[in-house]
Amino acid sequence: MENRENNSLLAAVDIGSNTVQMIIAGREAGKIRPIKRFYATTRLGQGMSKGILLKENIEATIQALQDIKSYLELYKPARIRLAATSAVREASNCQYFLTRAADATGLIIEVLNSQEEALLSYLGATKKQNTDHLVLDVGGGSSELIWQEEGRLQTISLPLGAVRAAAAGWKK
């Protein structure tokens, strides 16, 4: 692959409470075609009972981001969006994590508020805003309910996800 930006590729990275995921995709005939996917379970939000991201979980997440950076350098997508959700959003050491990740990888992470997280989940599930679907996004640290009402997007974000349920001792 040439050493220049690929204008047809887009990349998205989701730094969640339980996993770090990446997709690099291209547009082909009006459709999105995945080129490369990455998935790592880093459990960033695990053990956050005092609102602090644990060092070992931060380091596991940074290792995943270093792996992702190598894919981004290889494929050179034209646009990249890196977004963190509830664990980072709610952590008292959020800025430490963001600075540590930027120093280690050169990647700048955007922290989504619950409304932005809900909107992106809805768009990902429905491909457009004007639908009458109810979307439930169960994450590691939070769950969002998203729907249309009178032409406006409505959301409810609950501090309940797979990581929090496991920490509370919920079983199958």
N, C-alpha and C. Protein backbone atom coordinates (compact mmCIF):
# COMPACT_ATOMS: atom_id res chain seq x y z
N MET A 1 0.84 -1.17 0.00
CA MET A 1 0.00 0.00 0.00
C MET A 1 0.89 1.24 0.00
N GLU A 2 0.50 2.25 -0.74
CA GLU A 2 1.28 3.48 -0.81
C GLU A 2 1.30 4.18 0.54
N ASN A 3 2.28 5.02 0.72
CA ASN A 3 2.48 5.70 1.98
C ASN A 3 1.72 7.03 2.02
N ARG A 4 0.48 7.05 1.61
CA ARG A 4 -0.33 8.26 1.65
C ARG A 4 -1.73 7.91 2.11
N GLU A 5 -2.46 8.94 2.47
CA GLU A 5 -3.81 8.79 2.97
C GLU A 5 -4.70 8.13 1.93
N ASN A 6 -5.54 7.20 2.37
CA ASN A 6 -6.49 6.54 1.47
C ASN A 6 -7.83 7.26 1.62
N ASN A 7 -8.18 8.08 0.64
CA ASN A 7 -9.38 8.91 0.72
C ASN A 7 -10.68 8.13 0.75
N SER A 8 -10.64 6.86 0.41
CA SER A 8 -11.87 6.08 0.41
C SER A 8 -12.10 5.33 1.72
N LEU A 9 -11.15 5.37 2.65
CA LEU A 9 -11.29 4.61 3.89
C LEU A 9 -11.63 5.51 5.07
N LEU A 10 -12.45 4.98 5.95
CA LEU A 10 -12.84 5.63 7.19
C LEU A 10 -12.53 4.67 8.34
N ALA A 11 -12.23 5.22 9.51
CA ALA A 11 -11.96 4.37 10.67
C ALA A 11 -12.73 4.89 11.88
N ALA A 12 -13.22 3.96 12.68
CA ALA A 12 -13.89 4.29 13.93
C ALA A 12 -13.33 3.40 15.03
N VAL A 13 -13.07 4.01 16.18
CA VAL A 13 -12.58 3.28 17.34
C VAL A 13 -13.49 3.58 18.51
N ASP A 14 -13.98 2.53 19.17
CA ASP A 14 -14.87 2.65 20.32
C ASP A 14 -14.13 2.13 21.55
N ILE A 15 -13.88 3.02 22.50
CA ILE A 15 -13.21 2.65 23.75
C ILE A 15 -14.30 2.58 24.81
N GLY A 16 -14.75 1.37 25.06
CA GLY A 16 -15.86 1.17 25.99
C GLY A 16 -15.38 0.70 27.35
N SER A 17 -16.32 0.43 28.21
CA SER A 17 -16.02 -0.02 29.58
C SER A 17 -15.48 -1.43 29.61
N ASN A 18 -15.78 -2.21 28.60
CA ASN A 18 -15.37 -3.61 28.55
C ASN A 18 -14.43 -3.91 27.40
N THR A 19 -14.65 -3.27 26.26
CA THR A 19 -13.88 -3.60 25.06
C THR A 19 -13.38 -2.36 24.34
N VAL A 20 -12.37 -2.59 23.52
CA VAL A 20 -11.90 -1.58 22.57
C VAL A 20 -12.10 -2.22 21.20
N GLN A 21 -12.82 -1.50 20.33
CA GLN A 21 -13.12 -2.03 19.01
C GLN A 21 -12.74 -1.01 17.94
N MET A 22 -12.32 -1.51 16.79
CA MET A 22 -11.98 -0.65 15.67
C MET A 22 -12.55 -1.28 14.40
N ILE A 23 -12.97 -0.42 13.51
CA ILE A 23 -13.32 -0.86 12.16
C ILE A 23 -12.72 0.14 11.19
N ILE A 24 -12.11 -0.38 10.16
CA ILE A 24 -11.67 0.43 9.03
C ILE A 24 -12.52 -0.06 7.86
N ALA A 25 -13.17 0.87 7.19
CA ALA A 25 -14.10 0.48 6.13
C ALA A 25 -13.98 1.43 4.95
N GLY A 26 -14.40 0.93 3.80
CA GLY A 26 -14.44 1.73 2.59
C GLY A 26 -15.86 1.84 2.08
N ARG A 27 -16.09 2.82 1.28
CA ARG A 27 -17.40 2.98 0.64
C ARG A 27 -17.32 2.37 -0.74
N GLU A 28 -18.30 1.55 -1.04
CA GLU A 28 -18.34 0.89 -2.34
C GLU A 28 -19.80 0.81 -2.79
N ALA A 29 -20.11 1.46 -3.88
CA ALA A 29 -21.47 1.48 -4.43
C ALA A 29 -22.48 1.92 -3.38
N GLY A 30 -22.13 2.96 -2.62
CA GLY A 30 -23.04 3.51 -1.63
C GLY A 30 -23.15 2.71 -0.35
N LYS A 31 -22.37 1.66 -0.20
CA LYS A 31 -22.42 0.82 0.99
C LYS A 31 -21.06 0.85 1.69
N ILE A 32 -21.10 0.59 2.97
CA ILE A 32 -19.88 0.51 3.76
C ILE A 32 -19.37 -0.93 3.70
N ARG A 33 -18.10 -1.08 3.34
CA ARG A 33 -17.49 -2.42 3.25
C ARG A 33 -16.33 -2.49 4.24
N PRO A 34 -16.46 -3.33 5.28
CA PRO A 34 -15.37 -3.46 6.25
C PRO A 34 -14.10 -4.00 5.60
N ILE A 35 -12.97 -3.39 5.95
CA ILE A 35 -11.66 -3.80 5.45
C ILE A 35 -10.88 -4.51 6.56
N LYS A 36 -10.92 -3.93 7.76
CA LYS A 36 -10.18 -4.48 8.91
C LYS A 36 -10.97 -4.22 10.18
N ARG A 37 -11.04 -5.24 11.03
CA ARG A 37 -11.68 -5.11 12.34
C ARG A 37 -10.68 -5.49 13.42
N PHE A 38 -10.85 -4.88 14.57
CA PHE A 38 -10.01 -5.20 15.74
C PHE A 38 -10.92 -5.18 16.95
N TYR A 39 -10.68 -6.12 17.87
CA TYR A 39 -11.50 -6.25 19.06
C TYR A 39 -10.61 -6.73 20.20
N ALA A 40 -10.63 -6.04 21.32
CA ALA A 40 -9.87 -6.48 22.50
C ALA A 40 -10.70 -6.25 23.74
N THR A 41 -10.74 -7.22 24.62
CA THR A 41 -11.42 -7.08 25.90
C THR A 41 -10.40 -6.57 26.91
N THR A 42 -10.52 -5.30 27.28
CA THR A 42 -9.56 -4.68 28.19
C THR A 42 -10.15 -4.38 29.57
N ARG A 43 -11.47 -4.43 29.68
CA ARG A 43 -12.18 -4.21 30.93
C ARG A 43 -11.78 -2.90 31.61
N LEU A 44 -11.72 -1.84 30.82
CA LEU A 44 -11.31 -0.53 31.33
C LEU A 44 -12.16 -0.08 32.52
N GLY A 45 -13.44 -0.37 32.51
CA GLY A 45 -14.33 0.08 33.58
C GLY A 45 -14.42 -0.86 34.76
N GLN A 46 -13.75 -2.00 34.70
CA GLN A 46 -13.84 -2.97 35.79
C GLN A 46 -13.13 -2.42 37.04
N GLY A 47 -13.74 -2.58 38.18
CA GLY A 47 -13.15 -2.14 39.44
C GLY A 47 -13.27 -0.65 39.70
N MET A 48 -14.19 0.02 39.03
CA MET A 48 -14.36 1.47 39.16
C MET A 48 -15.28 1.86 40.30
N SER A 49 -15.33 1.09 41.35
CA SER A 49 -16.29 1.37 42.41
C SER A 49 -16.08 2.75 43.03
N LYS A 50 -14.87 3.28 43.01
CA LYS A 50 -14.59 4.62 43.55
C LYS A 50 -14.43 5.64 42.44
N GLY A 51 -14.85 5.30 41.22
CA GLY A 51 -14.79 6.23 40.11
C GLY A 51 -13.40 6.42 39.52
N ILE A 52 -12.52 5.48 39.77
CA ILE A 52 -11.14 5.59 39.29
C ILE A 52 -10.84 4.42 38.36
N LEU A 53 -10.34 4.75 37.16
CA LEU A 53 -9.88 3.71 36.25
C LEU A 53 -8.62 3.09 36.83
N LEU A 54 -8.58 1.76 36.90
CA LEU A 54 -7.43 1.08 37.48
C LEU A 54 -6.26 1.06 36.51
N LYS A 55 -5.05 1.16 37.07
CA LYS A 55 -3.83 1.25 36.26
C LYS A 55 -3.70 0.07 35.30
N GLU A 56 -3.93 -1.15 35.77
CA GLU A 56 -3.76 -2.32 34.90
C GLU A 56 -4.77 -2.31 33.74
N ASN A 57 -5.96 -1.78 33.97
CA ASN A 57 -6.96 -1.70 32.91
C ASN A 57 -6.61 -0.58 31.92
N ILE A 58 -6.06 0.51 32.44
CA ILE A 58 -5.59 1.58 31.57
C ILE A 58 -4.48 1.05 30.66
N GLU A 59 -3.53 0.32 31.24
CA GLU A 59 -2.41 -0.19 30.45
C GLU A 59 -2.87 -1.21 29.40
N ALA A 60 -3.84 -2.05 29.75
CA ALA A 60 -4.38 -3.00 28.76
C ALA A 60 -5.06 -2.26 27.62
N THR A 61 -5.76 -1.19 27.95
CA THR A 61 -6.44 -0.40 26.92
C THR A 61 -5.42 0.31 26.04
N ILE A 62 -4.38 0.83 26.64
CA ILE A 62 -3.33 1.50 25.85
C ILE A 62 -2.63 0.51 24.94
N GLN A 63 -2.42 -0.71 25.39
CA GLN A 63 -1.83 -1.73 24.52
C GLN A 63 -2.73 -1.97 23.31
N ALA A 64 -4.03 -2.05 23.54
CA ALA A 64 -4.97 -2.23 22.43
C ALA A 64 -4.91 -1.03 21.49
N LEU A 65 -4.80 0.17 22.04
CA LEU A 65 -4.70 1.38 21.20
C LEU A 65 -3.40 1.41 20.40
N GLN A 66 -2.33 0.87 20.96
CA GLN A 66 -1.07 0.78 20.21
C GLN A 66 -1.22 -0.19 19.03
N ASP A 67 -1.93 -1.29 19.26
CA ASP A 67 -2.21 -2.22 18.16
C ASP A 67 -3.06 -1.54 17.08
N ILE A 68 -4.06 -0.80 17.52
CA ILE A 68 -4.93 -0.08 16.59
C ILE A 68 -4.13 0.94 15.80
N LYS A 69 -3.23 1.65 16.47
CA LYS A 69 -2.43 2.66 15.77
C LYS A 69 -1.63 2.03 14.63
N SER A 70 -1.13 0.82 14.84
CA SER A 70 -0.38 0.17 13.77
C SER A 70 -1.28 -0.12 12.56
N TYR A 71 -2.53 -0.47 12.80
CA TYR A 71 -3.47 -0.67 11.68
C TYR A 71 -3.79 0.65 10.99
N LEU A 72 -3.96 1.70 11.77
CA LEU A 72 -4.24 3.01 11.19
C LEU A 72 -3.07 3.49 10.33
N GLU A 73 -1.86 3.23 10.79
CA GLU A 73 -0.68 3.60 10.00
C GLU A 73 -0.57 2.77 8.73
N LEU A 74 -0.97 1.53 8.79
CA LEU A 74 -0.91 0.64 7.62
C LEU A 74 -1.95 1.02 6.57
N TYR A 75 -3.20 1.21 7.01
CA TYR A 75 -4.29 1.47 6.06
C TYR A 75 -4.47 2.94 5.72
N LYS A 76 -4.01 3.85 6.57
CA LYS A 76 -4.08 5.30 6.36
C LYS A 76 -5.47 5.81 5.95
N PRO A 77 -6.47 5.58 6.80
CA PRO A 77 -7.81 6.09 6.46
C PRO A 77 -7.82 7.61 6.41
N ALA A 78 -8.69 8.16 5.57
CA ALA A 78 -8.81 9.61 5.41
C ALA A 78 -9.41 10.25 6.66
N ARG A 79 -10.32 9.56 7.31
CA ARG A 79 -10.96 10.09 8.53
C ARG A 79 -10.93 9.02 9.61
N ILE A 80 -10.62 9.48 10.81
CA ILE A 80 -10.54 8.58 11.97
C ILE A 80 -11.31 9.24 13.11
N ARG A 81 -12.14 8.47 13.79
CA ARG A 81 -12.83 8.96 14.99
C ARG A 81 -12.59 7.96 16.11
N LEU A 82 -11.98 8.44 17.18
CA LEU A 82 -11.75 7.64 18.38
C LEU A 82 -12.64 8.18 19.47
N ALA A 83 -13.51 7.35 20.02
CA ALA A 83 -14.46 7.81 21.02
C ALA A 83 -14.47 6.89 22.23
N ALA A 84 -14.49 7.51 23.40
CA ALA A 84 -14.61 6.78 24.66
C ALA A 84 -16.00 7.03 25.23
N THR A 85 -16.50 6.04 25.96
CA THR A 85 -17.86 6.14 26.49
C THR A 85 -17.87 6.17 28.02
N SER A 86 -18.80 5.50 28.65
CA SER A 86 -19.12 5.75 30.06
C SER A 86 -17.97 5.59 31.04
N ALA A 87 -17.12 4.59 30.92
CA ALA A 87 -16.05 4.41 31.91
C ALA A 87 -15.14 5.64 31.95
N VAL A 88 -14.73 6.11 30.78
CA VAL A 88 -13.86 7.28 30.72
C VAL A 88 -14.64 8.53 31.11
N ARG A 89 -15.85 8.63 30.62
CA ARG A 89 -16.69 9.80 30.89
C ARG A 89 -16.89 10.00 32.39
N GLU A 90 -17.05 8.92 33.14
CA GLU A 90 -17.39 8.99 34.56
C GLU A 90 -16.17 8.92 35.48
N ALA A 91 -15.01 8.64 34.95
CA ALA A 91 -13.83 8.44 35.79
C ALA A 91 -13.27 9.77 36.31
N SER A 92 -12.92 9.78 37.57
CA SER A 92 -12.29 10.98 38.13
C SER A 92 -10.89 11.17 37.56
N ASN A 93 -10.28 10.10 37.07
CA ASN A 93 -8.95 10.21 36.45
C ASN A 93 -9.04 10.14 34.92
N CYS A 94 -10.15 10.63 34.39
CA CYS A 94 -10.38 10.68 32.94
C CYS A 94 -9.22 11.38 32.23
N GLN A 95 -8.84 12.55 32.71
CA GLN A 95 -7.79 13.32 32.04
C GLN A 95 -6.45 12.58 32.07
N TYR A 96 -6.18 11.88 33.17
CA TYR A 96 -4.95 11.09 33.24
C TYR A 96 -4.95 10.03 32.13
N PHE A 97 -6.08 9.32 31.99
CA PHE A 97 -6.18 8.30 30.94
C PHE A 97 -5.98 8.91 29.56
N LEU A 98 -6.67 10.02 29.27
CA LEU A 98 -6.58 10.64 27.94
C LEU A 98 -5.15 11.10 27.64
N THR A 99 -4.49 11.69 28.63
CA THR A 99 -3.12 12.14 28.45
C THR A 99 -2.17 10.96 28.28
N ARG A 100 -2.33 9.95 29.11
CA ARG A 100 -1.48 8.74 29.02
C ARG A 100 -1.65 8.07 27.66
N ALA A 101 -2.87 7.96 27.18
CA ALA A 101 -3.13 7.34 25.88
C ALA A 101 -2.51 8.17 24.75
N ALA A 102 -2.66 9.50 24.82
CA ALA A 102 -2.09 10.38 23.79
C ALA A 102 -0.57 10.30 23.80
N ASP A 103 0.03 10.30 24.98
CA ASP A 103 1.49 10.22 25.08
C ASP A 103 2.02 8.90 24.53
N ALA A 104 1.30 7.81 24.79
CA ALA A 104 1.76 6.48 24.39
C ALA A 104 1.50 6.17 22.92
N THR A 105 0.47 6.79 22.34
CA THR A 105 0.06 6.41 20.99
C THR A 105 0.02 7.56 19.99
N GLY A 106 -0.06 8.77 20.49
CA GLY A 106 -0.26 9.92 19.60
C GLY A 106 -1.71 10.08 19.17
N LEU A 107 -2.60 9.25 19.68
CA LEU A 107 -4.01 9.29 19.31
C LEU A 107 -4.78 10.19 20.27
N ILE A 108 -5.65 11.02 19.73
CA ILE A 108 -6.48 11.91 20.53
C ILE A 108 -7.88 11.30 20.62
N ILE A 109 -8.33 11.10 21.83
CA ILE A 109 -9.61 10.43 22.09
C ILE A 109 -10.66 11.46 22.47
N GLU A 110 -11.81 11.34 21.85
CA GLU A 110 -12.98 12.17 22.16
C GLU A 110 -13.83 11.42 23.19
N VAL A 111 -14.25 12.10 24.24
CA VAL A 111 -15.12 11.49 25.24
C VAL A 111 -16.55 11.90 24.90
N LEU A 112 -17.37 10.90 24.59
CA LEU A 112 -18.77 11.16 24.23
C LEU A 112 -19.62 11.35 25.47
N ASN A 113 -20.53 12.33 25.43
CA ASN A 113 -21.51 12.39 26.51
C ASN A 113 -22.58 11.34 26.21
N SER A 114 -23.48 11.11 27.16
CA SER A 114 -24.46 10.03 26.99
C SER A 114 -25.38 10.27 25.80
N GLN A 115 -25.70 11.54 25.49
CA GLN A 115 -26.56 11.86 24.35
C GLN A 115 -25.85 11.52 23.03
N GLU A 116 -24.58 11.88 22.91
CA GLU A 116 -23.82 11.58 21.70
C GLU A 116 -23.68 10.07 21.52
N GLU A 117 -23.41 9.38 22.61
CA GLU A 117 -23.30 7.92 22.57
C GLU A 117 -24.60 7.30 22.08
N ALA A 118 -25.71 7.78 22.60
CA ALA A 118 -27.02 7.27 22.21
C ALA A 118 -27.31 7.54 20.74
N LEU A 119 -27.02 8.76 20.28
CA LEU A 119 -27.26 9.10 18.87
C LEU A 119 -26.46 8.21 17.94
N LEU A 120 -25.18 8.00 18.23
CA LEU A 120 -24.36 7.16 17.37
C LEU A 120 -24.84 5.71 17.38
N SER A 121 -25.29 5.23 18.53
CA SER A 121 -25.86 3.88 18.61
C SER A 121 -27.11 3.77 17.73
N TYR A 122 -27.95 4.78 17.83
CA TYR A 122 -29.20 4.79 17.05
C TYR A 122 -28.90 4.82 15.56
N LEU A 123 -28.00 5.71 15.16
CA LEU A 123 -27.66 5.80 13.73
C LEU A 123 -27.02 4.52 13.23
N GLY A 124 -26.18 3.91 14.06
CA GLY A 124 -25.56 2.66 13.67
C GLY A 124 -26.56 1.53 13.49
N ALA A 125 -27.59 1.55 14.32
CA ALA A 125 -28.60 0.49 14.25
C ALA A 125 -29.64 0.73 13.17
N THR A 126 -29.97 1.99 12.90
CA THR A 126 -31.08 2.28 11.98
C THR A 126 -30.64 2.89 10.66
N LYS A 127 -29.41 3.37 10.58
CA LYS A 127 -28.84 4.00 9.38
C LYS A 127 -29.44 5.37 9.05
N LYS A 128 -30.41 5.82 9.82
CA LYS A 128 -30.98 7.14 9.60
C LYS A 128 -31.74 7.56 10.86
N GLN A 129 -32.09 8.84 10.94
CA GLN A 129 -32.77 9.32 12.15
C GLN A 129 -34.28 9.20 12.08
N ASN A 130 -34.87 9.26 10.93
CA ASN A 130 -36.33 9.31 10.84
C ASN A 130 -36.94 7.92 10.74
N THR A 131 -36.89 7.19 11.83
CA THR A 131 -37.49 5.86 11.89
C THR A 131 -38.31 5.76 13.17
N ASP A 132 -39.11 4.73 13.26
CA ASP A 132 -39.89 4.54 14.47
C ASP A 132 -39.39 3.33 15.26
N HIS A 133 -38.10 3.16 15.30
CA HIS A 133 -37.49 2.05 16.02
C HIS A 133 -37.13 2.45 17.45
N LEU A 134 -37.12 1.47 18.32
CA LEU A 134 -36.57 1.62 19.66
C LEU A 134 -35.26 0.86 19.66
N VAL A 135 -34.19 1.54 20.01
CA VAL A 135 -32.86 0.91 20.02
C VAL A 135 -32.41 0.81 21.47
N LEU A 136 -31.92 -0.36 21.85
CA LEU A 136 -31.33 -0.59 23.16
C LEU A 136 -29.87 -0.94 22.95
N ASP A 137 -28.99 -0.11 23.47
CA ASP A 137 -27.56 -0.34 23.37
C ASP A 137 -27.05 -0.71 24.76
N VAL A 138 -26.72 -1.98 24.95
CA VAL A 138 -26.19 -2.44 26.23
C VAL A 138 -24.67 -2.47 26.12
N GLY A 139 -24.05 -1.61 26.87
CA GLY A 139 -22.59 -1.55 26.86
C GLY A 139 -22.02 -2.16 28.12
N GLY A 140 -20.76 -1.86 28.37
CA GLY A 140 -20.10 -2.37 29.56
C GLY A 140 -20.44 -1.57 30.80
N GLY A 141 -20.57 -0.24 30.63
CA GLY A 141 -20.82 0.61 31.78
C GLY A 141 -22.17 1.28 31.79
N SER A 142 -22.79 1.39 30.62
CA SER A 142 -24.10 2.04 30.55
C SER A 142 -24.94 1.37 29.47
N SER A 143 -26.22 1.63 29.55
CA SER A 143 -27.16 1.16 28.54
C SER A 143 -28.01 2.35 28.12
N GLU A 144 -28.25 2.46 26.83
CA GLU A 144 -29.04 3.56 26.30
C GLU A 144 -30.28 3.03 25.60
N LEU A 145 -31.41 3.70 25.85
CA LEU A 145 -32.64 3.50 25.11
C LEU A 145 -32.81 4.73 24.23
N ILE A 146 -33.03 4.51 22.92
CA ILE A 146 -33.12 5.62 21.99
C ILE A 146 -34.32 5.39 21.08
N TRP A 147 -35.14 6.44 20.86
CA TRP A 147 -36.29 6.34 19.99
C TRP A 147 -36.64 7.73 19.45
N GLN A 148 -37.52 7.76 18.44
CA GLN A 148 -38.03 9.00 17.87
C GLN A 148 -39.39 9.30 18.50
N GLU A 149 -39.59 10.57 18.84
CA GLU A 149 -40.89 11.01 19.33
C GLU A 149 -41.16 12.40 18.77
N GLU A 150 -42.22 12.51 17.99
CA GLU A 150 -42.57 13.78 17.35
C GLU A 150 -41.39 14.37 16.58
N GLY A 151 -40.69 13.50 15.87
CA GLY A 151 -39.58 13.94 15.03
C GLY A 151 -38.30 14.26 15.76
N ARG A 152 -38.27 14.05 17.06
CA ARG A 152 -37.06 14.34 17.83
C ARG A 152 -36.55 13.07 18.48
N LEU A 153 -35.24 12.96 18.51
CA LEU A 153 -34.60 11.81 19.14
C LEU A 153 -34.69 11.93 20.65
N GLN A 154 -35.15 10.87 21.28
CA GLN A 154 -35.27 10.82 22.74
C GLN A 154 -34.31 9.75 23.25
N THR A 155 -33.69 10.02 24.38
CA THR A 155 -32.74 9.05 24.93
C THR A 155 -32.89 8.94 26.44
N ILE A 156 -32.59 7.76 26.89
CA ILE A 156 -32.44 7.50 28.32
C ILE A 156 -31.13 6.74 28.46
N SER A 157 -30.25 7.21 29.31
CA SER A 157 -29.00 6.53 29.57
C SER A 157 -29.02 6.04 31.01
N LEU A 158 -28.80 4.76 31.18
CA LEU A 158 -28.82 4.15 32.50
C LEU A 158 -27.43 3.66 32.87
N PRO A 159 -27.00 3.87 34.11
CA PRO A 159 -25.67 3.42 34.52
C PRO A 159 -25.66 1.92 34.81
N LEU A 160 -26.01 1.14 33.80
CA LEU A 160 -26.09 -0.31 33.94
C LEU A 160 -25.56 -0.94 32.66
N GLY A 161 -24.53 -1.74 32.80
CA GLY A 161 -23.96 -2.45 31.66
C GLY A 161 -23.36 -3.75 32.13
N ALA A 162 -22.75 -4.48 31.22
CA ALA A 162 -22.22 -5.82 31.52
C ALA A 162 -21.15 -5.79 32.61
N VAL A 163 -20.25 -4.80 32.56
CA VAL A 163 -19.19 -4.73 33.56
C VAL A 163 -19.77 -4.41 34.93
N ARG A 164 -20.70 -3.46 34.97
CA ARG A 164 -21.31 -3.10 36.26
C ARG A 164 -22.16 -4.23 36.81
N ALA A 165 -22.87 -4.93 35.95
CA ALA A 165 -23.69 -6.05 36.42
C ALA A 165 -22.80 -7.15 37.00
N ALA A 166 -21.68 -7.43 36.34
CA ALA A 166 -20.74 -8.44 36.84
C ALA A 166 -20.16 -8.01 38.19
N ALA A 167 -19.83 -6.72 38.31
CA ALA A 167 -19.27 -6.21 39.57
C ALA A 167 -20.28 -6.30 40.70
N ALA A 168 -21.56 -6.20 40.37
CA ALA A 168 -22.61 -6.27 41.38
C ALA A 168 -22.95 -7.71 41.72
N GLY A 169 -22.33 -8.65 41.04
CA GLY A 169 -22.56 -10.05 41.33
C GLY A 169 -23.74 -10.69 40.62
N TRP A 170 -24.25 -10.04 39.55
CA TRP A 170 -25.35 -10.61 38.80
C TRP A 170 -24.86 -11.82 38.02
N LYS A 171 -25.62 -12.87 38.05
CA LYS A 171 -25.28 -14.11 37.33
C LYS A 171 -26.38 -14.42 36.33
N LYS A 172 -26.09 -15.38 35.46
CA LYS A 172 -27.09 -15.82 34.46
C LYS A 172 -28.30 -16.37 35.14
